[in-house]
Amino acid sequence: MSRALIPGSFDPITVGHVDIIKRAAALYDEVVVAVMINDQKTYAFDMEERAEMVRLAVAELPRVRVVADDGLLVDLFDRVGADVIVKGVRNEADRAYEEQMASWNHTHNPRALTVLLQAADDFESVNSTRARELLREGKSVDGLLPPAVAAYAARKFRTEGQNEGL
């Protein structure tokens, strides 16, 4: 049985992320989507909220499970029994960054090999940053986030906005 590990911050998970997960699920027997922490990022959603949004986004996908982890990817790789790390790339900047991360991961865990999947043309401009901006402005995120995730994220932003006025 082959198992792919797809790590990310998923703040929030986008339709582009879901496309990569679906494509990985077609290639591997099981996909583990790992909601992780990147110390270089500030998050709009806490880890449990991000994990819940990922669960909502992949609920209909068999053989896909979600974990949340605040440790190192190379350690999680062994804990979940992964055979490969899968990352999506939208452009050359993504590719350069992911190649650097793949090298670091492989150096620290020789079993941890990374496969890069090129984003489909439809999703090259989709990113979590733009989705968060639109959510903060109270605008539609149609086409950026899966519908269940959009509803979940919009509720959080509406609640926060109401609390700021108190």
Protein backbone atom coordinates (compact mmCIF):
# COMPACT_ATOMS: atom_id res chain seq x y z
CA MET A 1 0.00 0.00 0.00
CA SER A 2 1.40 3.39 -0.96
CA ARG A 3 0.80 6.42 1.25
CA ALA A 4 1.31 10.06 0.28
CA LEU A 5 1.71 12.85 2.82
CA ILE A 6 0.49 16.29 1.76
CA PRO A 7 1.61 18.92 4.26
CA GLY A 8 0.55 22.53 4.37
CA SER A 9 -0.70 25.35 6.53
CA PHE A 10 -4.07 25.43 4.73
CA ASP A 11 -5.04 28.88 6.05
CA PRO A 12 -7.63 28.21 4.57
CA ILE A 13 -7.60 25.22 2.22
CA THR A 14 -8.32 26.31 -1.37
CA VAL A 15 -9.77 24.59 -4.43
CA GLY A 16 -6.18 24.38 -5.69
CA HIS A 17 -5.16 22.40 -2.61
CA VAL A 18 -8.15 20.10 -3.08
CA ASP A 19 -7.19 19.52 -6.71
CA ILE A 20 -3.68 18.42 -5.65
CA ILE A 21 -5.20 16.13 -2.98
CA LYS A 22 -7.55 14.54 -5.55
CA ARG A 23 -4.72 14.04 -8.01
CA ALA A 24 -2.53 12.47 -5.33
CA ALA A 25 -5.42 10.20 -4.32
CA ALA A 26 -5.51 8.93 -7.91
CA LEU A 27 -1.81 8.04 -7.69
CA TYR A 28 -1.52 6.60 -4.17
CA ASP A 29 -3.57 4.15 -2.10
CA GLU A 30 -3.93 6.58 0.80
CA VAL A 31 -3.39 10.31 1.25
CA VAL A 32 -2.67 11.89 4.61
CA VAL A 33 -3.25 15.64 4.60
CA ALA A 34 -1.20 17.22 7.38
CA VAL A 35 -2.16 20.61 8.76
CA MET A 36 1.11 22.02 10.02
CA ILE A 37 2.69 25.14 11.45
CA ASN A 38 5.15 27.31 9.59
CA ASP A 39 6.93 29.62 12.06
CA GLN A 40 7.32 32.18 9.27
CA LYS A 41 3.55 32.67 8.96
CA THR A 42 0.88 34.42 10.98
CA TYR A 43 -2.40 32.55 10.83
CA ALA A 44 -5.97 33.80 10.49
CA PHE A 45 -7.25 30.42 11.73
CA ASP A 46 -5.88 28.33 14.57
CA MET A 47 -4.68 24.78 13.91
CA GLU A 48 -7.96 23.09 14.86
CA GLU A 49 -9.97 25.47 12.66
CA ARG A 50 -7.63 24.81 9.75
CA ALA A 51 -7.88 21.05 10.32
CA GLU A 52 -11.69 21.27 10.44
CA MET A 53 -11.76 23.18 7.15
CA VAL A 54 -9.55 20.51 5.55
CA ARG A 55 -11.89 17.80 6.88
CA LEU A 56 -14.84 19.65 5.33
CA ALA A 57 -13.01 19.97 2.01
CA VAL A 58 -12.05 16.27 1.75
CA ALA A 59 -15.14 14.74 3.38
CA GLU A 60 -16.24 13.12 0.12
CA LEU A 61 -12.81 11.73 -0.77
CA PRO A 62 -12.23 8.09 0.14
CA ARG A 63 -8.76 7.09 1.34
CA VAL A 64 -7.95 10.64 2.46
CA ARG A 65 -7.45 11.42 6.14
CA VAL A 66 -6.49 14.57 7.97
CA VAL A 67 -4.00 15.04 10.79
CA ALA A 68 -2.76 18.14 12.59
CA ASP A 69 0.83 18.28 13.78
CA ASP A 70 3.08 20.97 15.21
CA GLY A 71 6.33 19.03 14.81
CA LEU A 72 8.76 18.52 11.96
CA LEU A 73 7.51 17.14 8.66
CA VAL A 74 10.38 14.62 8.48
CA ASP A 75 9.28 13.13 11.81
CA LEU A 76 5.59 13.06 10.84
CA PHE A 77 6.60 11.34 7.61
CA ASP A 78 7.78 8.31 9.60
CA ARG A 79 4.94 8.43 12.15
CA VAL A 80 2.25 8.15 9.46
CA GLY A 81 4.23 5.61 7.45
CA ALA A 82 4.38 7.78 4.34
CA ASP A 83 6.14 6.71 1.18
CA VAL A 84 6.29 10.14 -0.40
CA ILE A 85 5.64 13.83 0.30
CA VAL A 86 3.44 15.49 -2.32
CA LYS A 87 3.48 19.25 -2.84
CA GLY A 88 1.70 21.37 -5.41
CA VAL A 89 3.51 24.15 -7.25
CA ARG A 90 1.89 27.04 -9.13
CA ASN A 91 4.93 28.78 -10.58
CA GLU A 92 8.72 28.88 -10.65
CA ALA A 93 8.92 30.64 -7.27
CA ASP A 94 6.87 27.85 -5.67
CA ARG A 95 8.99 25.25 -7.43
CA ALA A 96 12.27 26.78 -6.21
CA TYR A 97 10.99 26.97 -2.63
CA GLU A 98 9.59 23.42 -2.66
CA GLU A 99 12.79 22.02 -4.19
CA GLN A 100 14.76 23.65 -1.36
CA MET A 101 12.35 22.17 1.23
CA ALA A 102 12.53 18.76 -0.47
CA SER A 103 16.30 18.81 -0.25
CA TRP A 104 16.21 19.77 3.45
CA ASN A 105 13.65 17.04 4.20
CA HIS A 106 15.63 14.39 2.34
CA THR A 107 18.85 15.41 4.10
CA HIS A 108 17.16 15.03 7.49
CA ASN A 109 15.23 11.88 6.59
CA PRO A 110 16.66 9.96 3.61
CA ARG A 111 13.33 8.11 3.20
CA ALA A 112 11.46 11.41 2.69
CA LEU A 113 11.26 11.91 -1.05
CA THR A 114 9.12 14.69 -2.50
CA VAL A 115 6.97 14.65 -5.62
CA LEU A 116 5.99 18.04 -7.03
CA LEU A 117 2.67 18.27 -8.86
CA GLN A 118 2.19 21.25 -11.16
CA ALA A 119 -1.03 23.11 -10.43
CA ALA A 120 -3.68 22.90 -13.10
CA ASP A 121 -3.95 26.08 -15.15
CA ASP A 122 -7.33 26.85 -13.55
CA PHE A 123 -5.70 27.07 -10.11
CA GLU A 124 -2.42 28.90 -10.79
CA SER A 125 -3.77 32.17 -9.37
CA VAL A 126 -5.64 30.59 -6.44
CA ASN A 127 -4.04 31.14 -3.05
CA SER A 128 -4.98 31.34 0.62
CA THR A 129 -3.69 34.91 0.99
CA ARG A 130 -6.19 36.23 -1.57
CA ALA A 131 -8.99 34.21 0.05
CA ARG A 132 -8.19 35.72 3.48
CA GLU A 133 -8.16 39.24 2.00
CA LEU A 134 -11.59 38.74 0.44
CA LEU A 135 -12.96 37.19 3.64
CA ARG A 136 -11.73 40.17 5.69
CA GLU A 137 -13.49 42.50 3.23
CA GLY A 138 -16.69 40.45 3.45
CA LYS A 139 -16.47 39.59 -0.26
CA SER A 140 -17.20 36.35 -2.10
CA VAL A 141 -14.55 33.65 -2.22
CA ASP A 142 -16.40 31.64 -4.87
CA GLY A 143 -13.91 29.83 -7.05
CA LEU A 144 -11.18 30.10 -4.41
CA LEU A 145 -12.50 27.94 -1.56
CA PRO A 146 -14.65 24.81 -1.52
CA PRO A 147 -18.24 25.86 -0.62
CA ALA A 148 -18.24 24.25 2.86
CA VAL A 149 -14.91 25.89 3.66
CA ALA A 150 -16.10 29.27 2.36
CA ALA A 151 -19.15 29.09 4.66
CA TYR A 152 -17.04 28.04 7.67
CA ALA A 153 -14.43 30.76 7.07
CA ALA A 154 -17.03 33.48 6.42
CA ARG A 155 -18.78 32.65 9.73
CA LYS A 156 -15.50 33.09 11.60
CA PHE A 157 -14.73 36.42 9.93
CA ARG A 158 -18.28 37.71 10.51
CA THR A 159 -18.08 36.70 14.19
CA GLU A 160 -14.68 38.36 14.61
CA GLY A 161 -15.93 41.52 12.91
CA GLN A 162 -18.92 41.68 15.25
CA ASN A 163 -16.69 41.16 18.29
CA GLU A 164 -14.34 43.95 17.22
CA GLY A 165 -17.24 46.39 17.39
CA LEU A 166 -17.93 45.57 21.06
